[in-house]
Amino acid sequence: MSKKTSNYEKCAWPTVGVREGTRVEDYDWGYLYIYPDGRPPEFRVSEKPTEQEIRDRWGHYPN
């Protein structure tokens, strides 16, 4: 799940790619900011998503 504002959408995102057979706790997390005005996406680790935000976005991946 992501949070949308008029200026950007931000999604919970791992610092490295998600691999099969791993758990949420195996990763460091930040937010991927997506801008509707055409700017390139930006990844930030200065804020950390909640576990619920992570599971909402990434919970469909098999453990």
N, C-alpha and C. Protein backbone atom coordinates (compact mmCIF):
# COMPACT_ATOMS: atom_id res chain seq x y z
N MET A 1 0.85 -1.17 0.00
CA MET A 1 0.00 0.00 0.00
C MET A 1 0.90 1.23 0.00
N SER A 2 0.41 2.29 -0.57
CA SER A 2 1.18 3.51 -0.62
C SER A 2 0.32 4.67 -0.14
N LYS A 3 1.01 5.73 0.24
CA LYS A 3 0.32 6.95 0.65
C LYS A 3 0.42 7.93 -0.50
N LYS A 4 -0.72 8.50 -0.90
CA LYS A 4 -0.74 9.44 -2.00
C LYS A 4 -1.06 10.84 -1.50
N THR A 5 -0.33 11.79 -2.03
CA THR A 5 -0.68 13.20 -1.87
C THR A 5 -0.70 13.77 -3.27
N SER A 6 -1.02 15.04 -3.40
CA SER A 6 -1.03 15.63 -4.73
C SER A 6 0.38 15.80 -5.28
N ASN A 7 1.38 15.78 -4.39
CA ASN A 7 2.76 16.02 -4.82
C ASN A 7 3.56 14.75 -5.04
N TYR A 8 3.18 13.65 -4.40
CA TYR A 8 3.95 12.41 -4.53
C TYR A 8 3.16 11.24 -3.98
N GLU A 9 3.63 10.05 -4.32
CA GLU A 9 3.14 8.80 -3.74
C GLU A 9 4.34 8.18 -3.04
N LYS A 10 4.17 7.70 -1.82
CA LYS A 10 5.31 7.06 -1.15
C LYS A 10 4.95 5.64 -0.76
N CYS A 11 5.87 4.72 -1.06
CA CYS A 11 5.66 3.30 -0.85
C CYS A 11 6.77 2.74 0.02
N ALA A 12 6.42 1.82 0.91
CA ALA A 12 7.43 1.09 1.68
C ALA A 12 8.30 0.32 0.69
N TRP A 13 9.62 0.40 0.85
CA TRP A 13 10.52 -0.21 -0.12
C TRP A 13 11.78 -0.71 0.59
N PRO A 14 12.24 -1.91 0.24
CA PRO A 14 13.47 -2.42 0.87
C PRO A 14 14.71 -1.79 0.24
N THR A 15 15.80 -1.75 1.02
CA THR A 15 17.05 -1.18 0.51
C THR A 15 17.72 -2.09 -0.51
N VAL A 16 17.38 -3.37 -0.49
CA VAL A 16 17.87 -4.34 -1.49
C VAL A 16 16.67 -5.15 -1.97
N GLY A 17 16.82 -5.81 -3.09
CA GLY A 17 15.72 -6.58 -3.66
C GLY A 17 15.22 -7.69 -2.76
N VAL A 18 13.93 -7.92 -2.78
CA VAL A 18 13.29 -8.97 -1.99
C VAL A 18 13.57 -10.32 -2.64
N ARG A 19 13.99 -11.27 -1.82
CA ARG A 19 14.29 -12.61 -2.32
C ARG A 19 13.32 -13.61 -1.72
N GLU A 20 13.03 -14.64 -2.47
CA GLU A 20 12.14 -15.71 -2.00
C GLU A 20 12.74 -16.37 -0.77
N GLY A 21 11.89 -16.76 0.15
CA GLY A 21 12.34 -17.46 1.35
C GLY A 21 12.87 -16.55 2.44
N THR A 22 12.61 -15.24 2.32
CA THR A 22 13.07 -14.31 3.34
C THR A 22 11.87 -13.71 4.06
N ARG A 23 12.15 -12.97 5.13
CA ARG A 23 11.10 -12.34 5.93
C ARG A 23 11.27 -10.82 5.92
N VAL A 24 10.23 -10.12 6.26
CA VAL A 24 10.26 -8.66 6.35
C VAL A 24 11.42 -8.22 7.24
N GLU A 25 11.64 -8.94 8.32
CA GLU A 25 12.68 -8.58 9.28
C GLU A 25 14.09 -8.73 8.72
N ASP A 26 14.23 -9.40 7.59
CA ASP A 26 15.55 -9.62 6.99
C ASP A 26 16.07 -8.39 6.23
N TYR A 27 15.27 -7.35 6.12
CA TYR A 27 15.61 -6.20 5.29
C TYR A 27 15.60 -4.90 6.08
N ASP A 28 16.36 -3.94 5.57
CA ASP A 28 16.24 -2.56 6.01
C ASP A 28 15.25 -1.91 5.06
N TRP A 29 14.43 -0.98 5.58
CA TRP A 29 13.35 -0.40 4.79
C TRP A 29 13.41 1.11 4.78
N GLY A 30 12.88 1.68 3.73
CA GLY A 30 12.72 3.11 3.58
C GLY A 30 11.47 3.36 2.76
N TYR A 31 11.40 4.53 2.14
CA TYR A 31 10.27 4.86 1.28
C TYR A 31 10.75 5.20 -0.12
N LEU A 32 10.01 4.73 -1.11
CA LEU A 32 10.22 5.13 -2.49
C LEU A 32 9.18 6.20 -2.78
N TYR A 33 9.65 7.39 -3.15
CA TYR A 33 8.77 8.50 -3.50
C TYR A 33 8.62 8.55 -5.01
N ILE A 34 7.38 8.56 -5.47
CA ILE A 34 7.07 8.61 -6.89
C ILE A 34 6.33 9.92 -7.15
N TYR A 35 6.84 10.70 -8.09
CA TYR A 35 6.29 12.03 -8.38
C TYR A 35 5.47 12.02 -9.67
N PRO A 36 4.25 12.54 -9.65
CA PRO A 36 3.41 12.54 -10.84
C PRO A 36 3.84 13.57 -11.89
N ASP A 37 4.73 14.48 -11.53
CA ASP A 37 5.14 15.54 -12.47
C ASP A 37 6.29 15.11 -13.38
N GLY A 38 6.68 13.83 -13.33
CA GLY A 38 7.71 13.34 -14.23
C GLY A 38 9.11 13.30 -13.64
N ARG A 39 9.28 13.82 -12.42
CA ARG A 39 10.61 13.73 -11.80
C ARG A 39 10.93 12.27 -11.56
N PRO A 40 12.21 11.92 -11.55
CA PRO A 40 12.57 10.52 -11.29
C PRO A 40 12.21 10.12 -9.85
N PRO A 41 11.91 8.85 -9.63
CA PRO A 41 11.62 8.38 -8.27
C PRO A 41 12.82 8.62 -7.36
N GLU A 42 12.55 8.72 -6.08
CA GLU A 42 13.59 9.00 -5.09
C GLU A 42 13.42 8.02 -3.93
N PHE A 43 14.51 7.38 -3.51
CA PHE A 43 14.46 6.46 -2.38
C PHE A 43 15.07 7.13 -1.17
N ARG A 44 14.37 7.06 -0.04
CA ARG A 44 14.85 7.70 1.20
C ARG A 44 14.78 6.70 2.36
N VAL A 45 15.84 6.65 3.13
CA VAL A 45 15.85 5.81 4.33
C VAL A 45 15.79 6.67 5.60
N SER A 46 15.63 7.97 5.44
CA SER A 46 15.55 8.85 6.60
C SER A 46 14.27 8.62 7.40
N GLU A 47 13.24 8.09 6.75
CA GLU A 47 11.99 7.69 7.41
C GLU A 47 11.85 6.19 7.24
N LYS A 48 11.32 5.54 8.24
CA LYS A 48 11.11 4.09 8.17
C LYS A 48 9.61 3.78 8.17
N PRO A 49 9.16 2.94 7.25
CA PRO A 49 7.75 2.55 7.25
C PRO A 49 7.44 1.64 8.43
N THR A 50 6.17 1.61 8.81
CA THR A 50 5.75 0.71 9.87
C THR A 50 5.72 -0.72 9.32
N GLU A 51 5.70 -1.68 10.19
CA GLU A 51 5.60 -3.08 9.76
C GLU A 51 4.31 -3.30 8.97
N GLN A 52 3.22 -2.65 9.39
CA GLN A 52 1.95 -2.80 8.68
C GLN A 52 2.04 -2.25 7.26
N GLU A 53 2.69 -1.10 7.08
CA GLU A 53 2.87 -0.55 5.73
C GLU A 53 3.67 -1.51 4.85
N ILE A 54 4.69 -2.10 5.43
CA ILE A 54 5.52 -3.06 4.69
C ILE A 54 4.68 -4.26 4.29
N ARG A 55 3.96 -4.81 5.23
CA ARG A 55 3.14 -6.01 4.95
C ARG A 55 2.02 -5.69 3.95
N ASP A 56 1.44 -4.50 4.03
CA ASP A 56 0.41 -4.11 3.07
C ASP A 56 0.98 -4.08 1.65
N ARG A 57 2.20 -3.63 1.51
CA ARG A 57 2.81 -3.49 0.18
C ARG A 57 3.46 -4.79 -0.30
N TRP A 58 4.09 -5.53 0.61
CA TRP A 58 4.93 -6.67 0.24
C TRP A 58 4.42 -8.01 0.74
N GLY A 59 3.29 -8.04 1.42
CA GLY A 59 2.80 -9.26 2.04
C GLY A 59 2.39 -10.36 1.07
N HIS A 60 2.20 -10.03 -0.19
CA HIS A 60 1.80 -11.05 -1.17
C HIS A 60 2.97 -11.91 -1.64
N TYR A 61 4.20 -11.52 -1.29
CA TYR A 61 5.35 -12.34 -1.66
C TYR A 61 5.43 -13.55 -0.73
N PRO A 62 5.65 -14.73 -1.27
CA PRO A 62 5.72 -15.92 -0.40
C PRO A 62 6.93 -15.88 0.52
N ASN A 63 6.78 -16.40 1.71
CA ASN A 63 7.90 -16.47 2.66
C ASN A 63 8.64 -17.76 2.50
